[in-house]
């Protein structure tokens, strides 16, 4: 445990799942948290740590899980080429991803549309399961999808570009770039699209002008990105520390150096700001779960928890920002109280 005068991370409960945890998602009312295991099963726990549903998930493995905003539906994706939708522990529909595997999921904030990345295309269904959009085939595998805030535009990330589509199929923005992007994050106001890349860089696109910036110098490829609630700071992984870019001002992060938050002794595996607060959490391969308050320049580190003998592989803030669910490589979910 870290030597912190006031450790803000306090264990509430821990429970086992069948395998390495690849995804965590909270129900919108905070009553349940679902943990997806790499081998396929998805376990739903109540807020006290009791297992209430054990879902079979996907043959050959589950890749993602996402709870419907404002609703009761839990969507999962996996290596069987399906998006499966569950309600109250029962499968209510299986949607064809159109490829051998489905890697990413993204609910629209309204809860009325569900996007998935499958092979070289993205697909979108309405909440009833009707297919309403299939993107044009991309140059390579679609690595991520994300809804632009305050719109029905979908960013589709793949080799050589980050393309933003209206559901009519029109490309609202084509952000062409020679490289292999891996993960994306929209700023909360939808003005900036950031993506982490295979070549150990982070790229910023300004939607209004098409201007772009590239930040380099990371030790490894960048898959971990999270904007703070105010849209000023972008936290990224890509090595054994968390970088926080200040994107405020007319030039954004151009010509600046990020704040470097130390703590992990191995590669960061996930980062996430509180939904509305000022705390930033991260997990790492050395088993650490770390909490920072970056605005406190003198003592930014606010908490630490550690899994022994396994990497910390996933994290998710509860809807009220009061607890943090974290997953471990050996099949454990822990819920930590914050404050």
Protein backbone atom coordinates (compact mmCIF):
# COMPACT_ATOMS: atom_id res chain seq x y z
CA UNK A 1 0.00 0.00 0.00
CA UNK A 2 1.22 3.45 -0.82
CA UNK A 3 2.51 5.77 1.88
CA UNK A 4 -0.17 8.40 1.56
CA UNK A 5 -1.25 10.52 4.50
CA UNK A 6 -4.92 10.26 3.50
CA UNK A 7 -5.51 7.25 1.26
CA UNK A 8 -8.82 7.90 -0.49
CA UNK A 9 -9.17 4.30 -1.77
CA UNK A 10 -10.76 1.93 0.76
CA UNK A 11 -11.74 -1.66 -0.14
CA UNK A 12 -15.48 -2.35 0.08
CA UNK A 13 -15.66 -5.88 -1.34
CA UNK A 14 -13.98 -8.30 -3.74
CA UNK A 15 -15.36 -11.25 -5.70
CA UNK A 16 -14.17 -13.84 -8.20
CA UNK A 17 -14.96 -14.11 -11.90
CA UNK A 18 -13.93 -17.00 -14.15
CA UNK A 19 -10.95 -15.34 -15.85
CA UNK A 20 -8.99 -12.18 -16.66
CA UNK A 21 -11.29 -9.13 -16.47
CA UNK A 22 -11.41 -7.28 -19.80
CA UNK A 23 -14.30 -4.93 -19.12
CA UNK A 24 -16.39 -3.39 -16.35
CA UNK A 25 -19.62 -1.40 -16.65
CA UNK A 26 -22.10 -0.01 -14.12
CA UNK A 27 -25.86 0.08 -14.50
CA UNK A 28 -27.01 3.70 -14.77
CA UNK A 29 -28.66 3.58 -11.33
CA UNK A 30 -25.47 2.25 -9.70
CA UNK A 31 -27.21 -0.87 -8.37
CA UNK A 32 -25.19 -3.35 -10.44
CA UNK A 33 -21.75 -3.75 -11.98
CA UNK A 34 -21.00 -6.24 -14.77
CA UNK A 35 -17.58 -7.83 -15.25
CA UNK A 36 -16.62 -9.40 -18.58
CA UNK A 37 -14.07 -12.23 -18.54
CA UNK A 38 -11.74 -12.81 -21.47
CA UNK A 39 -12.84 -16.45 -21.80
CA UNK A 40 -16.48 -15.43 -22.32
CA UNK A 41 -18.59 -15.33 -19.14
CA UNK A 42 -20.06 -12.07 -17.85
CA UNK A 43 -20.89 -11.82 -14.14
CA UNK A 44 -23.30 -9.20 -12.79
CA UNK A 45 -22.87 -8.19 -9.13
CA UNK A 46 -25.12 -6.05 -6.99
CA UNK A 47 -23.64 -3.03 -5.23
CA UNK A 48 -22.87 -5.16 -2.17
CA UNK A 49 -20.82 -7.73 -4.08
CA UNK A 50 -23.41 -10.51 -4.46
CA UNK A 51 -23.41 -12.31 -7.82
CA UNK A 52 -26.94 -11.91 -9.21
CA UNK A 53 -26.48 -13.06 -12.83
CA UNK A 54 -23.90 -15.30 -14.49
CA UNK A 55 -24.24 -14.82 -18.23
CA UNK A 56 -22.59 -17.20 -20.73
CA UNK A 57 -21.37 -14.26 -22.78
CA UNK A 58 -19.64 -15.22 -26.01
CA UNK A 59 -18.05 -18.33 -27.39
CA UNK A 60 -14.29 -17.90 -27.95
CA UNK A 61 -14.26 -14.90 -25.59
CA UNK A 62 -15.91 -11.62 -24.63
CA UNK A 63 -14.26 -8.36 -25.70
CA UNK A 64 -16.52 -5.60 -24.37
CA UNK A 65 -19.54 -4.82 -22.20
CA UNK A 66 -21.60 -1.64 -21.97
CA UNK A 67 -24.75 -0.76 -20.03
CA UNK A 68 -27.49 1.23 -21.73
CA UNK A 69 -27.59 4.83 -20.45
CA UNK A 70 -30.84 5.42 -18.62
CA UNK A 71 -32.06 1.89 -19.31
CA UNK A 72 -31.91 -1.74 -18.26
CA UNK A 73 -30.13 -3.32 -21.23
CA UNK A 74 -26.60 -4.71 -20.99
CA UNK A 75 -24.77 -5.14 -24.31
CA UNK A 76 -21.77 -7.43 -24.76
CA UNK A 77 -19.53 -8.14 -27.74
CA UNK A 78 -17.16 -10.97 -28.49
CA UNK A 79 -15.21 -13.33 -30.64
CA UNK A 80 -18.31 -15.10 -31.96
CA UNK A 81 -19.16 -12.13 -34.20
CA UNK A 82 -22.23 -11.21 -32.17
CA UNK A 83 -23.48 -8.33 -30.07
CA UNK A 84 -25.67 -9.85 -27.38
CA UNK A 85 -28.20 -7.81 -25.44
CA UNK A 86 -29.30 -8.88 -21.96
CA UNK A 87 -32.08 -7.72 -19.66
CA UNK A 88 -32.51 -8.95 -16.10
CA UNK A 89 -30.10 -11.83 -16.68
CA UNK A 90 -31.80 -13.09 -19.85
CA UNK A 91 -30.58 -12.71 -23.42
CA UNK A 92 -33.19 -10.72 -25.34
CA UNK A 93 -31.46 -10.50 -28.71
CA UNK A 94 -28.31 -11.48 -30.60
CA UNK A 95 -27.21 -9.00 -33.26
CA UNK A 96 -25.00 -9.99 -36.18
CA UNK A 97 -21.82 -7.93 -36.19
CA UNK A 98 -21.08 -8.80 -39.80
CA UNK A 99 -17.57 -10.07 -39.05
CA UNK A 100 -15.85 -12.91 -37.24
CA UNK A 101 -15.43 -10.81 -34.09
CA UNK A 102 -16.79 -7.65 -32.48
CA UNK A 103 -14.28 -5.61 -30.49
CA UNK A 104 -15.87 -2.37 -29.26
CA UNK A 105 -19.27 -1.07 -28.19
CA UNK A 106 -20.64 2.43 -27.66
CA UNK A 107 -24.15 3.37 -26.58
CA UNK A 108 -25.40 6.77 -27.66
CA UNK A 109 -25.95 8.93 -24.52
CA UNK A 110 -29.69 8.83 -25.22
CA UNK A 111 -29.65 5.04 -24.85
CA UNK A 112 -31.51 4.72 -28.15
CA UNK A 113 -28.61 3.68 -30.40
CA UNK A 114 -25.85 1.09 -30.01
CA UNK A 115 -22.68 1.14 -32.14
CA UNK A 116 -20.20 -1.68 -32.58
CA UNK A 117 -16.83 -2.13 -34.29
CA UNK A 118 -16.64 -5.36 -36.27
CA UNK A 119 -14.04 -6.15 -38.89
CA UNK A 120 -13.70 -3.26 -41.35
CA UNK A 121 -17.09 -1.69 -40.61
CA UNK A 122 -19.11 -0.16 -37.81
CA UNK A 123 -22.76 -1.02 -37.29
CA UNK A 124 -25.50 0.82 -35.41
CA UNK A 125 -28.77 -0.63 -34.10
CA UNK A 126 -31.66 1.06 -32.38
CA UNK A 127 -32.67 -0.08 -28.89
CA UNK A 128 -35.16 -2.55 -30.38
CA UNK A 129 -32.37 -4.28 -32.33
CA UNK A 130 -33.08 -2.90 -35.81
CA UNK A 131 -29.96 -2.25 -37.88
CA UNK A 132 -30.04 1.44 -38.84
CA UNK A 133 -26.51 2.08 -40.15
CA UNK A 134 -23.51 0.27 -41.55
CA UNK A 135 -20.43 2.34 -42.26
CA UNK A 136 -18.49 2.13 -45.50
CA UNK A 137 -15.69 -0.42 -45.30
CA UNK A 138 -12.55 1.12 -43.84
CA UNK A 139 -8.98 0.59 -45.06
CA UNK A 140 -8.30 -1.73 -42.14
CA UNK A 141 -9.89 -3.17 -39.03
CA UNK A 142 -12.08 -0.73 -37.12
CA UNK A 143 -10.35 -0.36 -33.77
CA UNK A 144 -12.83 1.91 -31.97
CA UNK A 145 -16.12 3.78 -32.29
CA UNK A 146 -17.41 6.77 -30.36
CA UNK A 147 -20.43 9.08 -30.48
CA UNK A 148 -19.73 12.78 -30.86
CA UNK A 149 -21.39 14.52 -27.89
CA UNK A 150 -24.60 16.43 -28.56
CA UNK A 151 -25.08 14.82 -31.97
CA UNK A 152 -25.85 11.61 -33.82
CA UNK A 153 -22.44 11.54 -35.49
CA UNK A 154 -20.27 8.47 -35.01
CA UNK A 155 -16.46 8.44 -35.15
CA UNK A 156 -15.08 5.28 -36.75
CA UNK A 157 -11.40 4.66 -36.14
CA UNK A 158 -9.29 2.54 -38.47
CA UNK A 159 -6.03 2.43 -40.36
CA UNK A 160 -5.24 5.75 -42.00
CA UNK A 161 -8.19 7.77 -40.75
CA UNK A 162 -10.69 8.77 -38.14
CA UNK A 163 -13.92 9.17 -40.08
CA UNK A 164 -17.04 10.77 -38.61
CA UNK A 165 -20.37 9.74 -40.13
CA UNK A 166 -23.95 10.90 -39.96
CA UNK A 167 -26.38 8.00 -39.77
CA UNK A 168 -27.41 8.81 -43.33
CA UNK A 169 -23.97 7.53 -44.34
CA UNK A 170 -22.56 10.97 -45.11
CA UNK A 171 -18.99 11.52 -43.93
CA UNK A 172 -19.28 14.67 -41.82
CA UNK A 173 -15.53 14.72 -41.20
CA UNK A 174 -12.66 12.78 -42.75
CA UNK A 175 -9.55 13.04 -40.60
CA UNK A 176 -6.93 11.36 -42.79
CA UNK A 177 -3.67 10.37 -41.14
CA UNK A 178 -0.99 7.84 -42.05
CA UNK A 179 -0.90 5.52 -39.09
CA UNK A 180 -2.68 2.92 -37.00
CA UNK A 181 -4.98 4.49 -34.40
CA UNK A 182 -6.10 2.25 -31.55
CA UNK A 183 -8.56 4.09 -29.30
CA UNK A 184 -10.49 7.37 -29.34
CA UNK A 185 -12.03 9.86 -26.94
CA UNK A 186 -14.22 12.89 -27.76
CA UNK A 187 -13.95 16.00 -25.62
CA UNK A 188 -17.20 16.52 -23.65
CA UNK A 189 -18.33 19.37 -25.93
CA UNK A 190 -17.56 17.41 -29.11
CA UNK A 191 -15.04 19.94 -30.39
CA UNK A 192 -11.93 17.74 -30.22
CA UNK A 193 -11.37 14.12 -31.17
CA UNK A 194 -8.28 12.52 -29.64
CA UNK A 195 -6.90 9.11 -30.48
CA UNK A 196 -3.99 7.03 -29.23
CA UNK A 197 -1.84 5.21 -31.75
CA UNK A 198 0.30 2.17 -32.47
CA UNK A 199 3.36 4.39 -33.07
CA UNK A 200 3.35 5.69 -29.47
CA UNK A 201 1.69 9.04 -30.23
CA UNK A 202 -1.54 10.85 -29.43
CA UNK A 203 -3.35 12.79 -32.16
CA UNK A 204 -5.80 15.66 -31.70
CA UNK A 205 -8.34 16.77 -34.33
CA UNK A 206 -10.35 20.00 -34.07
CA UNK A 207 -13.73 19.29 -35.64
CA UNK A 208 -14.58 22.88 -36.56
CA UNK A 209 -11.40 23.53 -38.55
CA UNK A 210 -9.79 20.16 -39.27
CA UNK A 211 -6.61 21.35 -37.54
CA UNK A 212 -4.58 18.54 -36.02
CA UNK A 213 -1.81 18.15 -33.46
CA UNK A 214 0.38 15.16 -32.72
CA UNK A 215 2.04 14.48 -29.37
CA UNK A 216 4.94 12.04 -29.37
CA UNK A 217 7.50 10.69 -26.91
CA UNK A 218 5.48 7.90 -25.32
CA UNK A 219 7.37 4.72 -24.38
CA UNK A 220 4.74 2.43 -25.95
CA UNK A 221 1.52 2.40 -27.97
CA UNK A 222 -1.34 4.42 -26.49
CA UNK A 223 -4.69 2.72 -25.88
CA UNK A 224 -5.79 4.62 -22.76
CA UNK A 225 -7.46 8.06 -23.00
CA UNK A 226 -9.91 9.95 -20.80
CA UNK A 227 -11.16 13.56 -20.77
CA UNK A 228 -12.06 15.31 -17.54
CA UNK A 229 -15.65 16.48 -17.15
CA UNK A 230 -14.80 20.06 -18.04
CA UNK A 231 -12.98 19.11 -21.25
CA UNK A 232 -9.76 20.89 -20.35
CA UNK A 233 -7.55 17.92 -19.48
CA UNK A 234 -6.86 14.71 -21.41
CA UNK A 235 -5.24 11.86 -19.48
CA UNK A 236 -3.35 9.18 -21.41
CA UNK A 237 -1.44 5.98 -20.77
CA UNK A 238 1.22 4.65 -23.12
CA UNK A 239 3.86 3.74 -20.56
CA UNK A 240 4.56 3.42 -16.82
CA UNK A 241 3.06 6.80 -15.92
CA UNK A 242 -0.02 8.85 -16.74
CA UNK A 243 0.36 11.97 -18.89
CA UNK A 244 -2.17 14.78 -18.47
CA UNK A 245 -2.39 17.31 -21.31
CA UNK A 246 -3.80 20.77 -20.65
CA UNK A 247 -6.01 21.46 -23.67
CA UNK A 248 -7.29 24.84 -22.50
CA UNK A 249 -6.54 28.06 -24.30
CA UNK A 250 -6.63 28.92 -28.01
CA UNK A 251 -3.70 26.64 -28.93
CA UNK A 252 -4.69 23.69 -26.78
CA UNK A 253 -1.72 21.48 -25.84
CA UNK A 254 0.40 22.73 -28.76
CA UNK A 255 3.95 23.52 -27.64
CA UNK A 256 3.39 22.34 -24.07
CA UNK A 257 4.58 19.46 -21.92
CA UNK A 258 2.10 17.22 -20.09
CA UNK A 259 1.95 16.77 -16.35
CA UNK A 260 3.53 13.40 -15.56
CA UNK A 261 1.82 11.44 -12.79
CA UNK A 262 4.15 8.82 -11.38
CA UNK A 263 3.25 5.76 -9.34
CA UNK A 264 3.03 2.65 -11.51
CA UNK A 265 6.12 0.51 -11.95
CA UNK A 266 4.79 -1.06 -15.15
CA UNK A 267 2.62 -0.10 -18.12
CA UNK A 268 -0.67 1.66 -17.46
CA UNK A 269 -3.68 -0.42 -18.58
CA UNK A 270 -6.60 2.01 -18.09
CA UNK A 271 -7.30 5.63 -17.13
CA UNK A 272 -10.58 7.31 -16.17
CA UNK A 273 -11.58 10.65 -14.72
CA UNK A 274 -14.57 10.85 -12.42
CA UNK A 275 -17.75 11.52 -14.38
CA UNK A 276 -18.26 14.89 -12.72
CA UNK A 277 -15.43 15.28 -10.21
CA UNK A 278 -11.74 16.12 -10.23
CA UNK A 279 -10.16 12.76 -9.36
CA UNK A 280 -8.29 10.63 -11.92
CA UNK A 281 -7.88 6.87 -11.59
CA UNK A 282 -5.55 4.46 -13.38
CA UNK A 283 -4.65 0.78 -13.34
CA UNK A 284 -1.33 -0.81 -14.25
CA UNK A 285 0.28 -4.15 -15.06
CA UNK A 286 2.07 -4.18 -11.70
CA UNK A 287 -1.32 -4.61 -10.00
CA UNK A 288 -1.63 -1.04 -8.81
CA UNK A 289 -4.80 1.02 -8.78
CA UNK A 290 -3.88 4.68 -8.37
CA UNK A 291 -5.86 7.81 -7.63
CA UNK A 292 -4.70 11.38 -8.25
CA UNK A 293 -6.07 14.88 -7.80
CA UNK A 294 -3.94 16.54 -10.51
CA UNK A 295 -5.00 20.06 -9.52
CA UNK A 296 -3.01 19.61 -6.31
CA UNK A 297 0.44 20.23 -7.77
CA UNK A 298 2.32 19.62 -4.51
CA UNK A 299 0.70 16.29 -3.61
CA UNK A 300 -1.35 14.99 -6.54
CA UNK A 301 -1.39 11.33 -5.44
CA UNK A 302 -4.53 10.65 -3.44
CA UNK A 303 -4.83 6.89 -3.11
CA UNK A 304 -3.48 3.45 -3.96
CA UNK A 305 -4.67 -0.15 -3.89
CA UNK A 306 -2.78 -3.17 -5.17
CA UNK A 307 -3.63 -6.61 -6.46
CA UNK A 308 -0.88 -9.07 -5.55
CA UNK A 309 0.48 -11.29 -8.29
CA UNK A 310 -1.63 -10.01 -11.20
CA UNK A 311 -2.09 -6.94 -13.33
CA UNK A 312 -4.93 -4.52 -12.69
CA UNK A 313 -6.69 -4.71 -16.02
CA UNK A 314 -9.87 -2.60 -16.01
CA UNK A 315 -11.69 0.12 -14.09
CA UNK A 316 -15.03 1.94 -14.04
CA UNK A 317 -16.39 4.76 -11.90
CA UNK A 318 -19.87 4.32 -10.42
CA UNK A 319 -22.51 6.77 -11.68
CA UNK A 320 -22.27 8.81 -8.46
CA UNK A 321 -18.42 8.86 -8.51
CA UNK A 322 -18.31 7.45 -4.97
CA UNK A 323 -16.87 4.01 -5.73
CA UNK A 324 -14.46 2.55 -8.25
CA UNK A 325 -14.76 -0.95 -9.69
CA UNK A 326 -11.45 -2.51 -10.74
CA UNK A 327 -10.57 -5.84 -12.31
CA UNK A 328 -7.52 -8.07 -12.10
CA UNK A 329 -5.82 -10.46 -14.47
CA UNK A 330 -6.39 -13.52 -12.29
CA UNK A 331 -10.16 -13.10 -12.22
CA UNK A 332 -11.03 -10.75 -9.37
CA UNK A 333 -13.32 -7.74 -9.20
CA UNK A 334 -12.83 -5.29 -6.33
CA UNK A 335 -14.96 -2.29 -5.46
CA UNK A 336 -13.14 0.55 -3.71
CA UNK A 337 -14.82 3.38 -1.85
CA UNK A 338 -13.45 6.82 -2.63
CA UNK A 339 -13.15 9.62 -0.12
